[in-house]
Amino acid sequence: MFRFVCPNLLSVKSNETSCCFLTETTPQENATFVVCNSTGVMYEHKLSGKITSYTISSQYAVCGIGNEETKKFAIETISLSTGKADLLPVSSATWCLSGNGRDFVFVDYYWNPYHIDIETNKVTAFPPICAEHYNNNPIAFYPTSVNTFLVQVDKKDA
């Protein structure tokens, strides 16, 4: 019998044709990342660490994992077409994962935004946001195409 991992990650992410969610069998075990479509479970993948965030795009289901104590973080991906799982080490925790196709964005612990291309395994920091007029913390962001992103930030009070 499965139960959900933790209340703050208790959600189902969807790309309109597939969805993903997390389950666990005991509190001591790492979560299982489950990918489904209208016909049922497509893939189940036992994660290799604690979850920071997860999402699904048209091509990949992606889960950020890590451990603040050991300072080891990674992104685990599952190709929706093949079921192949990959692990990409990253330098910081991956919070607020969002994506489109093979392009994903996330923020680290300090809300610095990053882009990752899953197929090239390249992680790139966003250029700094104009601090003169805006708070540097993105509120929401989403990749719209290769190297093009929509970023929402708070305007500073005048």
Protein backbone atom coordinates (compact mmCIF):
# COMPACT_ATOMS: atom_id res chain seq x y z
CA MET A 1 0.00 0.00 0.00
CA PHE A 2 1.38 3.41 -0.96
CA ARG A 3 1.07 6.73 0.78
CA PHE A 4 2.19 10.20 -0.26
CA VAL A 5 5.65 11.40 0.72
CA CYS A 6 5.04 14.70 2.49
CA PRO A 7 2.29 17.33 2.65
CA ASN A 8 4.22 20.15 0.93
CA LEU A 9 4.83 17.93 -2.12
CA LEU A 10 1.35 16.43 -2.11
CA SER A 11 0.35 17.22 -5.65
CA VAL A 12 0.03 15.72 -9.08
CA LYS A 13 1.91 17.49 -11.87
CA SER A 14 0.51 17.20 -15.40
CA ASN A 15 1.47 18.02 -18.99
CA GLU A 16 -2.12 17.41 -20.23
CA THR A 17 -1.39 13.86 -21.51
CA SER A 18 0.76 12.44 -18.68
CA CYS A 19 1.13 13.12 -14.99
CA CYS A 20 3.61 12.42 -12.21
CA PHE A 21 3.46 12.13 -8.44
CA LEU A 22 5.51 10.76 -5.54
CA THR A 23 4.88 7.80 -3.26
CA GLU A 24 6.76 5.95 -0.54
CA THR A 25 6.34 2.63 1.22
CA THR A 26 8.08 3.48 4.52
CA PRO A 27 9.40 6.75 5.97
CA GLN A 28 12.98 5.37 5.89
CA GLU A 29 12.93 4.79 2.12
CA ASN A 30 13.39 7.34 -0.63
CA ALA A 31 10.28 8.18 -2.59
CA THR A 32 9.19 6.49 -5.79
CA PHE A 33 8.54 8.84 -8.71
CA VAL A 34 5.50 7.58 -10.66
CA VAL A 35 4.65 8.65 -14.22
CA CYS A 36 1.18 7.81 -15.61
CA ASN A 37 -1.01 8.48 -18.60
CA SER A 38 -4.66 7.67 -19.37
CA THR A 39 -3.87 3.96 -19.74
CA GLY A 40 -2.15 3.65 -16.34
CA VAL A 41 1.35 3.65 -14.87
CA MET A 42 4.05 4.19 -17.50
CA TYR A 43 7.13 4.24 -15.24
CA GLU A 44 8.05 3.93 -11.58
CA HIS A 45 11.50 5.13 -10.53
CA LYS A 46 12.96 4.85 -7.02
CA LEU A 47 14.70 8.15 -6.29
CA SER A 48 18.24 8.24 -4.91
CA GLY A 49 17.68 11.11 -2.45
CA LYS A 50 15.25 13.45 -0.71
CA ILE A 51 12.91 15.46 -2.94
CA THR A 52 13.22 19.22 -3.39
CA SER A 53 10.72 19.67 -6.25
CA TYR A 54 9.41 17.93 -9.35
CA THR A 55 7.53 18.56 -12.59
CA ILE A 56 6.66 17.08 -15.97
CA SER A 57 6.95 18.43 -19.52
CA SER A 58 6.03 17.02 -22.91
CA GLN A 59 9.31 15.04 -23.03
CA TYR A 60 10.53 14.46 -19.47
CA ALA A 61 9.46 13.93 -15.88
CA VAL A 62 12.04 15.67 -13.69
CA CYS A 63 12.72 15.52 -9.95
CA GLY A 64 15.20 17.56 -7.92
CA ILE A 65 16.80 15.63 -5.08
CA GLY A 66 19.40 16.46 -2.49
CA ASN A 67 20.71 16.55 1.01
CA GLU A 68 21.50 19.84 2.80
CA GLU A 69 23.75 18.02 5.29
CA THR A 70 26.02 16.45 2.66
CA LYS A 71 25.56 19.31 0.15
CA LYS A 72 25.01 16.78 -2.64
CA PHE A 73 22.24 17.62 -5.10
CA ALA A 74 21.05 16.22 -8.41
CA ILE A 75 18.27 16.23 -10.95
CA GLU A 76 16.76 12.86 -11.85
CA THR A 77 15.01 12.66 -15.21
CA ILE A 78 12.78 10.12 -16.89
CA SER A 79 12.32 10.26 -20.65
CA LEU A 80 8.61 9.90 -21.38
CA SER A 81 9.31 8.24 -24.74
CA THR A 82 11.80 5.59 -23.53
CA GLY A 83 11.51 5.42 -19.74
CA LYS A 84 15.28 5.90 -19.47
CA ALA A 85 16.26 7.47 -16.15
CA ASP A 86 19.31 9.74 -15.82
CA LEU A 87 20.99 11.52 -12.93
CA LEU A 88 22.60 14.95 -13.34
CA PRO A 89 24.62 16.27 -10.37
CA VAL A 90 24.04 19.99 -9.70
CA SER A 91 25.73 22.38 -7.27
CA SER A 92 22.68 23.39 -5.23
CA ALA A 93 19.14 22.41 -4.32
CA THR A 94 16.62 22.63 -7.14
CA TRP A 95 13.44 24.35 -5.96
CA CYS A 96 10.38 25.33 -8.02
CA LEU A 97 11.20 23.18 -11.06
CA SER A 98 9.24 24.16 -14.15
CA GLY A 99 9.73 23.10 -17.73
CA ASN A 100 8.80 22.89 -21.37
CA GLY A 101 10.09 20.10 -23.61
CA ARG A 102 13.74 19.57 -22.71
CA ASP A 103 14.23 22.99 -21.08
CA PHE A 104 13.68 23.46 -17.37
CA VAL A 105 14.21 26.26 -14.89
CA PHE A 106 14.67 26.18 -11.12
CA VAL A 107 15.87 28.35 -8.26
CA ASP A 108 18.45 27.53 -5.61
CA TYR A 109 18.17 28.11 -1.87
CA TYR A 110 18.84 31.86 -2.37
CA TRP A 111 16.28 32.19 -5.21
CA ASN A 112 18.96 32.51 -7.90
CA PRO A 113 17.37 31.23 -11.14
CA TYR A 114 18.97 28.59 -13.39
CA HIS A 115 18.20 26.99 -16.74
CA ILE A 116 18.91 23.34 -17.52
CA ASP A 117 18.86 21.64 -20.91
CA ILE A 118 18.12 18.00 -20.08
CA GLU A 119 19.52 16.63 -23.34
CA THR A 120 22.90 18.39 -23.09
CA ASN A 121 23.04 18.27 -19.25
CA LYS A 122 24.03 21.94 -19.27
CA VAL A 123 23.06 24.12 -16.28
CA THR A 124 23.30 27.90 -16.79
CA ALA A 125 22.67 30.70 -14.30
CA PHE A 126 20.24 33.41 -15.44
CA PRO A 127 21.76 36.84 -15.89
CA PRO A 128 21.11 39.13 -12.89
CA ILE A 129 17.73 40.87 -12.86
CA CYS A 130 17.92 44.68 -12.81
CA ALA A 131 18.22 45.28 -9.05
CA GLU A 132 17.67 49.03 -9.41
CA HIS A 133 13.98 48.62 -10.26
CA TYR A 134 13.12 45.06 -9.23
CA ASN A 135 13.61 42.74 -6.30
CA ASN A 136 16.05 40.09 -7.47
CA ASN A 137 13.83 37.18 -6.45
CA PRO A 138 11.76 35.70 -9.26
CA ILE A 139 8.16 34.93 -8.31
CA ALA A 140 7.45 32.67 -11.26
CA PHE A 141 9.26 31.68 -14.41
CA TYR A 142 8.69 29.38 -17.35
CA PRO A 143 10.72 28.48 -20.43
CA THR A 144 8.82 29.49 -23.59
CA SER A 145 11.37 28.17 -26.10
CA VAL A 146 15.08 27.43 -26.31
CA ASN A 147 16.95 30.23 -24.48
CA THR A 148 13.73 32.28 -24.03
CA PHE A 149 12.08 32.58 -20.62
CA LEU A 150 9.18 34.43 -19.09
CA VAL A 151 10.19 35.68 -15.62
CA GLN A 152 7.87 37.43 -13.17
CA VAL A 153 9.53 39.60 -10.52
CA ASP A 154 8.32 42.08 -7.91
CA LYS A 155 8.78 45.75 -8.72
CA LYS A 156 10.38 47.68 -5.85
CA ASP A 157 8.20 50.16 -4.00
CA ALA A 158 8.84 53.75 -5.14
